[in-house]
Amino acid sequence: AQRKHESAQVSATTAKVGEKITWHDSDSAGYVMTTKEGTNANGLSCREFQQEITVGGKTEQAYGTACLQADGAWKIVT
């Protein structure tokens, strides 16, 4: 489940705003969706996202922001 979730997060870095990247396996499922993109005060390209994960019938949501670093890697900043 963790690997599929991480793969969905990576896919969300290039997906269109509002596009849900879904994943699932035998006992869990979820999605990651970019809700907004722009540039932060330091000039970095950033994306706000929301994600939902269901494991064993329990669903949790999370929200955050990831920014593209100088080395080409995305880093969650909030």
C-alpha atoms as a PDB file:
ATOM      1  CA  ALA A   1       0.000   0.000   0.000  1.00  0.00           C
ATOM      2  CA  GLN A   2       2.783   2.437   0.902  1.00  0.00           C
ATOM      3  CA  ARG A   3       4.511   2.006  -2.452  1.00  0.00           C
ATOM      4  CA  LYS A   4       1.271   2.576  -4.406  1.00  0.00           C
ATOM      5  CA  HIS A   5       0.515   5.675  -2.323  1.00  0.00           C
ATOM      6  CA  GLU A   6       4.017   7.059  -2.957  1.00  0.00           C
ATOM      7  CA  SER A   7       3.625   6.383  -6.686  1.00  0.00           C
ATOM      8  CA  ALA A   8       0.348   8.334  -6.690  1.00  0.00           C
ATOM      9  CA  GLN A   9       2.056  11.249  -4.928  1.00  0.00           C
ATOM     10  CA  VAL A  10       4.775  11.325  -7.590  1.00  0.00           C
ATOM     11  CA  SER A  11       2.170  11.208 -10.382  1.00  0.00           C
ATOM     12  CA  ALA A  12       0.326  14.141  -8.796  1.00  0.00           C
ATOM     13  CA  THR A  13       3.380  16.387  -9.278  1.00  0.00           C
ATOM     14  CA  THR A  14       2.665  16.491 -13.028  1.00  0.00           C
ATOM     15  CA  ALA A  15      -1.101  15.922 -13.112  1.00  0.00           C
ATOM     16  CA  LYS A  16      -3.544  18.688 -13.988  1.00  0.00           C
ATOM     17  CA  VAL A  17      -5.048  20.658 -11.107  1.00  0.00           C
ATOM     18  CA  GLY A  18      -8.182  18.816  -9.983  1.00  0.00           C
ATOM     19  CA  GLU A  19      -7.154  15.438 -11.435  1.00  0.00           C
ATOM     20  CA  LYS A  20      -7.446  12.607  -8.902  1.00  0.00           C
ATOM     21  CA  ILE A  21      -4.620  10.070  -8.948  1.00  0.00           C
ATOM     22  CA  THR A  22      -6.177   6.957  -7.400  1.00  0.00           C
ATOM     23  CA  TRP A  23      -4.601   3.776  -6.079  1.00  0.00           C
ATOM     24  CA  HIS A  24      -5.799   0.636  -4.336  1.00  0.00           C
ATOM     25  CA  ASP A  25      -4.712  -2.787  -3.175  1.00  0.00           C
ATOM     26  CA  SER A  26      -6.356  -5.617  -1.244  1.00  0.00           C
ATOM     27  CA  ASP A  27      -7.119  -3.728   2.000  1.00  0.00           C
ATOM     28  CA  SER A  28      -6.529  -0.039   1.309  1.00  0.00           C
ATOM     29  CA  ALA A  29      -7.232   2.661  -1.252  1.00  0.00           C
ATOM     30  CA  GLY A  30      -6.954   6.369  -1.746  1.00  0.00           C
ATOM     31  CA  TYR A  31      -6.226   9.305  -3.969  1.00  0.00           C
ATOM     32  CA  VAL A  32      -3.952  12.325  -4.254  1.00  0.00           C
ATOM     33  CA  MET A  33      -5.178  15.465  -6.017  1.00  0.00           C
ATOM     34  CA  THR A  34      -3.468  18.779  -6.740  1.00  0.00           C
ATOM     35  CA  THR A  35      -5.863  21.580  -5.809  1.00  0.00           C
ATOM     36  CA  LYS A  36      -3.756  24.646  -6.683  1.00  0.00           C
ATOM     37  CA  GLU A  37      -0.390  25.484  -8.207  1.00  0.00           C
ATOM     38  CA  GLY A  38       1.736  28.597  -8.158  1.00  0.00           C
ATOM     39  CA  THR A  39       5.015  30.138  -7.037  1.00  0.00           C
ATOM     40  CA  ASN A  40       6.017  30.760  -3.423  1.00  0.00           C
ATOM     41  CA  ALA A  41       7.839  33.823  -2.012  1.00  0.00           C
ATOM     42  CA  ASN A  42      11.199  32.192  -2.807  1.00  0.00           C
ATOM     43  CA  GLY A  43      10.279  31.678  -6.463  1.00  0.00           C
ATOM     44  CA  LEU A  44       9.803  27.912  -6.160  1.00  0.00           C
ATOM     45  CA  SER A  45       7.056  26.143  -8.089  1.00  0.00           C
ATOM     46  CA  CYS A  46       4.583  24.764  -5.529  1.00  0.00           C
ATOM     47  CA  ARG A  47       1.430  22.657  -5.526  1.00  0.00           C
ATOM     48  CA  GLU A  48      -1.233  22.411  -2.852  1.00  0.00           C
ATOM     49  CA  PHE A  49      -2.730  18.950  -2.581  1.00  0.00           C
ATOM     50  CA  GLN A  50      -5.283  16.897  -0.753  1.00  0.00           C
ATOM     51  CA  GLN A  51      -5.200  13.177  -0.215  1.00  0.00           C
ATOM     52  CA  GLU A  52      -7.565  10.605   1.164  1.00  0.00           C
ATOM     53  CA  ILE A  53      -6.562   7.166   2.398  1.00  0.00           C
ATOM     54  CA  THR A  54      -8.856   4.339   3.507  1.00  0.00           C
ATOM     55  CA  VAL A  55      -7.352   1.422   5.442  1.00  0.00           C
ATOM     56  CA  GLY A  56      -9.474  -1.265   7.070  1.00  0.00           C
ATOM     57  CA  GLY A  57     -12.641   0.769   6.549  1.00  0.00           C
ATOM     58  CA  LYS A  58     -11.238   3.908   8.220  1.00  0.00           C
ATOM     59  CA  THR A  59     -10.820   6.988   6.012  1.00  0.00           C
ATOM     60  CA  GLU A  60      -8.507   9.926   6.712  1.00  0.00           C
ATOM     61  CA  GLN A  61      -7.887  13.099   4.735  1.00  0.00           C
ATOM     62  CA  ALA A  62      -4.805  15.287   4.684  1.00  0.00           C
ATOM     63  CA  TYR A  63      -3.858  18.548   3.017  1.00  0.00           C
ATOM     64  CA  GLY A  64      -0.468  20.045   2.305  1.00  0.00           C
ATOM     65  CA  THR A  65       1.883  21.915   0.003  1.00  0.00           C
ATOM     66  CA  ALA A  66       4.869  20.558  -1.896  1.00  0.00           C
ATOM     67  CA  CYS A  67       7.491  22.700  -3.650  1.00  0.00           C
ATOM     68  CA  LEU A  68       9.958  21.808  -6.384  1.00  0.00           C
ATOM     69  CA  GLN A  69      13.505  22.151  -5.045  1.00  0.00           C
ATOM     70  CA  ALA A  70      16.579  23.296  -6.986  1.00  0.00           C
ATOM     71  CA  ASP A  71      17.753  19.667  -7.262  1.00  0.00           C
ATOM     72  CA  GLY A  72      14.518  18.676  -9.045  1.00  0.00           C
ATOM     73  CA  ALA A  73      12.963  16.871  -6.068  1.00  0.00           C
ATOM     74  CA  TRP A  74       9.557  17.754  -4.619  1.00  0.00           C
ATOM     75  CA  LYS A  75       9.538  18.508  -0.885  1.00  0.00           C
ATOM     76  CA  ILE A  76       6.439  18.679   1.298  1.00  0.00           C
ATOM     77  CA  VAL A  77       6.660  22.017   3.117  1.00  0.00           C
ATOM     78  CA  THR A  78       3.338  22.053   5.014  1.00  0.00           C
END
